[in-house]
């Protein structure tokens, strides 16, 4: 799954979470306080699940295969690992 799809999934889940809170305390509490509390409990579980699902690595993802990790000078003092060796500091 690509990063864009993960972001969409995350924001949809967080939108559902916010929607549940708003509906629970703006509408549902007038008919059933227990239902409103139940909706909030469900909404409370969604953010951790959204974070886990959004950060899950898929088989097709290769974000972990960064070519900079093969840099032989990464542990030398003053060497910036975020810049390849052919890019010199200004």
C-alpha atoms as a PDB file:
ATOM      1  CA  UNK A   1       0.000   0.000   0.000  1.00  0.00           C
ATOM      2  CA  UNK A   2       1.354   3.369  -0.925  1.00  0.00           C
ATOM      3  CA  UNK A   3       1.794   6.292   1.459  1.00  0.00           C
ATOM      4  CA  UNK A   4      -1.110   8.201  -0.052  1.00  0.00           C
ATOM      5  CA  UNK A   5      -3.495   5.344   0.631  1.00  0.00           C
ATOM      6  CA  UNK A   6      -2.200   5.065   4.197  1.00  0.00           C
ATOM      7  CA  UNK A   7      -2.761   8.795   4.731  1.00  0.00           C
ATOM      8  CA  UNK A   8      -6.288   8.587   3.362  1.00  0.00           C
ATOM      9  CA  UNK A   9      -7.073   5.611   5.600  1.00  0.00           C
ATOM     10  CA  UNK A  10      -5.660   7.445   8.620  1.00  0.00           C
ATOM     11  CA  UNK A  11      -7.632  10.641   8.006  1.00  0.00           C
ATOM     12  CA  UNK A  12     -10.853   8.723   7.345  1.00  0.00           C
ATOM     13  CA  UNK A  13     -10.466   6.862  10.621  1.00  0.00           C
ATOM     14  CA  UNK A  14      -9.715  10.063  12.516  1.00  0.00           C
ATOM     15  CA  UNK A  15     -12.722  11.753  10.873  1.00  0.00           C
ATOM     16  CA  UNK A  16     -14.919   8.895  12.050  1.00  0.00           C
ATOM     17  CA  UNK A  17     -13.463   9.326  15.538  1.00  0.00           C
ATOM     18  CA  UNK A  18     -14.258  13.025  15.662  1.00  0.00           C
ATOM     19  CA  UNK A  19     -17.680  12.394  14.136  1.00  0.00           C
ATOM     20  CA  UNK A  20     -18.482   9.846  16.837  1.00  0.00           C
ATOM     21  CA  UNK A  21     -17.532  12.294  19.599  1.00  0.00           C
ATOM     22  CA  UNK A  22     -19.554  15.123  18.077  1.00  0.00           C
ATOM     23  CA  UNK A  23     -22.606  12.949  17.460  1.00  0.00           C
ATOM     24  CA  UNK A  24     -22.378  11.331  20.882  1.00  0.00           C
ATOM     25  CA  UNK A  25     -22.390  14.552  22.872  1.00  0.00           C
ATOM     26  CA  UNK A  26     -24.284  16.761  20.434  1.00  0.00           C
ATOM     27  CA  UNK A  27     -27.161  14.472  19.519  1.00  0.00           C
ATOM     28  CA  UNK A  28     -27.222  10.993  21.031  1.00  0.00           C
ATOM     29  CA  UNK A  29     -26.911  12.039  24.680  1.00  0.00           C
ATOM     30  CA  UNK A  30     -30.420  13.517  24.563  1.00  0.00           C
ATOM     31  CA  UNK A  31     -31.882  10.055  23.892  1.00  0.00           C
ATOM     32  CA  UNK A  32     -29.446   7.733  25.630  1.00  0.00           C
ATOM     33  CA  UNK A  33     -26.516   8.619  27.828  1.00  0.00           C
ATOM     34  CA  UNK A  34     -25.299   5.005  27.769  1.00  0.00           C
ATOM     35  CA  UNK A  35     -25.204   5.023  23.963  1.00  0.00           C
ATOM     36  CA  UNK A  36     -23.267   8.301  23.980  1.00  0.00           C
ATOM     37  CA  UNK A  37     -20.727   6.865  26.407  1.00  0.00           C
ATOM     38  CA  UNK A  38     -20.465   3.728  24.272  1.00  0.00           C
ATOM     39  CA  UNK A  39     -19.840   5.824  21.181  1.00  0.00           C
ATOM     40  CA  UNK A  40     -17.085   7.688  23.010  1.00  0.00           C
ATOM     41  CA  UNK A  41     -15.486   4.421  24.097  1.00  0.00           C
ATOM     42  CA  UNK A  42     -15.449   3.243  20.484  1.00  0.00           C
ATOM     43  CA  UNK A  43     -14.038   6.609  19.393  1.00  0.00           C
ATOM     44  CA  UNK A  44     -11.345   6.319  22.070  1.00  0.00           C
ATOM     45  CA  UNK A  45     -10.016   3.107  20.494  1.00  0.00           C
ATOM     46  CA  UNK A  46      -9.831   4.462  16.942  1.00  0.00           C
ATOM     47  CA  UNK A  47      -6.738   6.786  17.192  1.00  0.00           C
ATOM     48  CA  UNK A  48      -4.285   4.065  18.294  1.00  0.00           C
ATOM     49  CA  UNK A  49      -5.661   1.704  15.651  1.00  0.00           C
ATOM     50  CA  UNK A  50      -5.379   4.430  13.022  1.00  0.00           C
ATOM     51  CA  UNK A  51      -1.739   5.029  13.945  1.00  0.00           C
ATOM     52  CA  UNK A  52      -0.917   1.315  13.807  1.00  0.00           C
ATOM     53  CA  UNK A  53      -2.656   0.804  10.464  1.00  0.00           C
ATOM     54  CA  UNK A  54      -1.140   3.951   8.958  1.00  0.00           C
ATOM     55  CA  UNK A  55       2.399   2.887   9.915  1.00  0.00           C
ATOM     56  CA  UNK A  56       2.123  -0.755   8.920  1.00  0.00           C
ATOM     57  CA  UNK A  57       4.606  -1.858   6.281  1.00  0.00           C
ATOM     58  CA  UNK A  58       3.214  -3.569   3.218  1.00  0.00           C
ATOM     59  CA  UNK A  59       5.044  -6.197   1.159  1.00  0.00           C
ATOM     60  CA  UNK A  60       5.431  -3.750  -1.715  1.00  0.00           C
ATOM     61  CA  UNK A  61       6.886  -0.972   0.438  1.00  0.00           C
ATOM     62  CA  UNK A  62      10.651  -0.518   0.301  1.00  0.00           C
ATOM     63  CA  UNK A  63      11.043   2.542   2.501  1.00  0.00           C
ATOM     64  CA  UNK A  64      13.407   0.553   4.689  1.00  0.00           C
ATOM     65  CA  UNK A  65      15.794  -0.066   1.793  1.00  0.00           C
ATOM     66  CA  UNK A  66      17.443   3.350   1.826  1.00  0.00           C
ATOM     67  CA  UNK A  67      20.677   3.490  -0.222  1.00  0.00           C
ATOM     68  CA  UNK A  68      22.216   5.898   2.291  1.00  0.00           C
ATOM     69  CA  UNK A  69      22.460   3.035   4.784  1.00  0.00           C
ATOM     70  CA  UNK A  70      25.249   1.551   2.679  1.00  0.00           C
ATOM     71  CA  UNK A  71      27.340   4.686   3.229  1.00  0.00           C
ATOM     72  CA  UNK A  72      30.727   3.495   4.588  1.00  0.00           C
ATOM     73  CA  UNK A  73      31.480   6.848   6.270  1.00  0.00           C
ATOM     74  CA  UNK A  74      28.271   7.132   8.283  1.00  0.00           C
ATOM     75  CA  UNK A  75      30.003   6.829  11.652  1.00  0.00           C
ATOM     76  CA  UNK A  76      32.791   9.327  11.012  1.00  0.00           C
ATOM     77  CA  UNK A  77      32.603  12.606  12.957  1.00  0.00           C
ATOM     78  CA  UNK A  78      31.157  15.437  10.924  1.00  0.00           C
ATOM     79  CA  UNK A  79      29.696  13.168   8.279  1.00  0.00           C
ATOM     80  CA  UNK A  80      26.067  13.995   7.530  1.00  0.00           C
ATOM     81  CA  UNK A  81      24.191  10.790   6.858  1.00  0.00           C
ATOM     82  CA  UNK A  82      21.289  12.628   5.264  1.00  0.00           C
ATOM     83  CA  UNK A  83      23.499  13.889   2.434  1.00  0.00           C
ATOM     84  CA  UNK A  84      25.329  11.551   0.100  1.00  0.00           C
ATOM     85  CA  UNK A  85      29.106  11.784  -0.023  1.00  0.00           C
ATOM     86  CA  UNK A  86      29.119  13.533  -3.387  1.00  0.00           C
ATOM     87  CA  UNK A  87      27.217  16.492  -1.877  1.00  0.00           C
ATOM     88  CA  UNK A  88      29.577  18.676   0.080  1.00  0.00           C
ATOM     89  CA  UNK A  89      28.492  20.972   2.877  1.00  0.00           C
ATOM     90  CA  UNK A  90      28.450  24.663   1.961  1.00  0.00           C
END
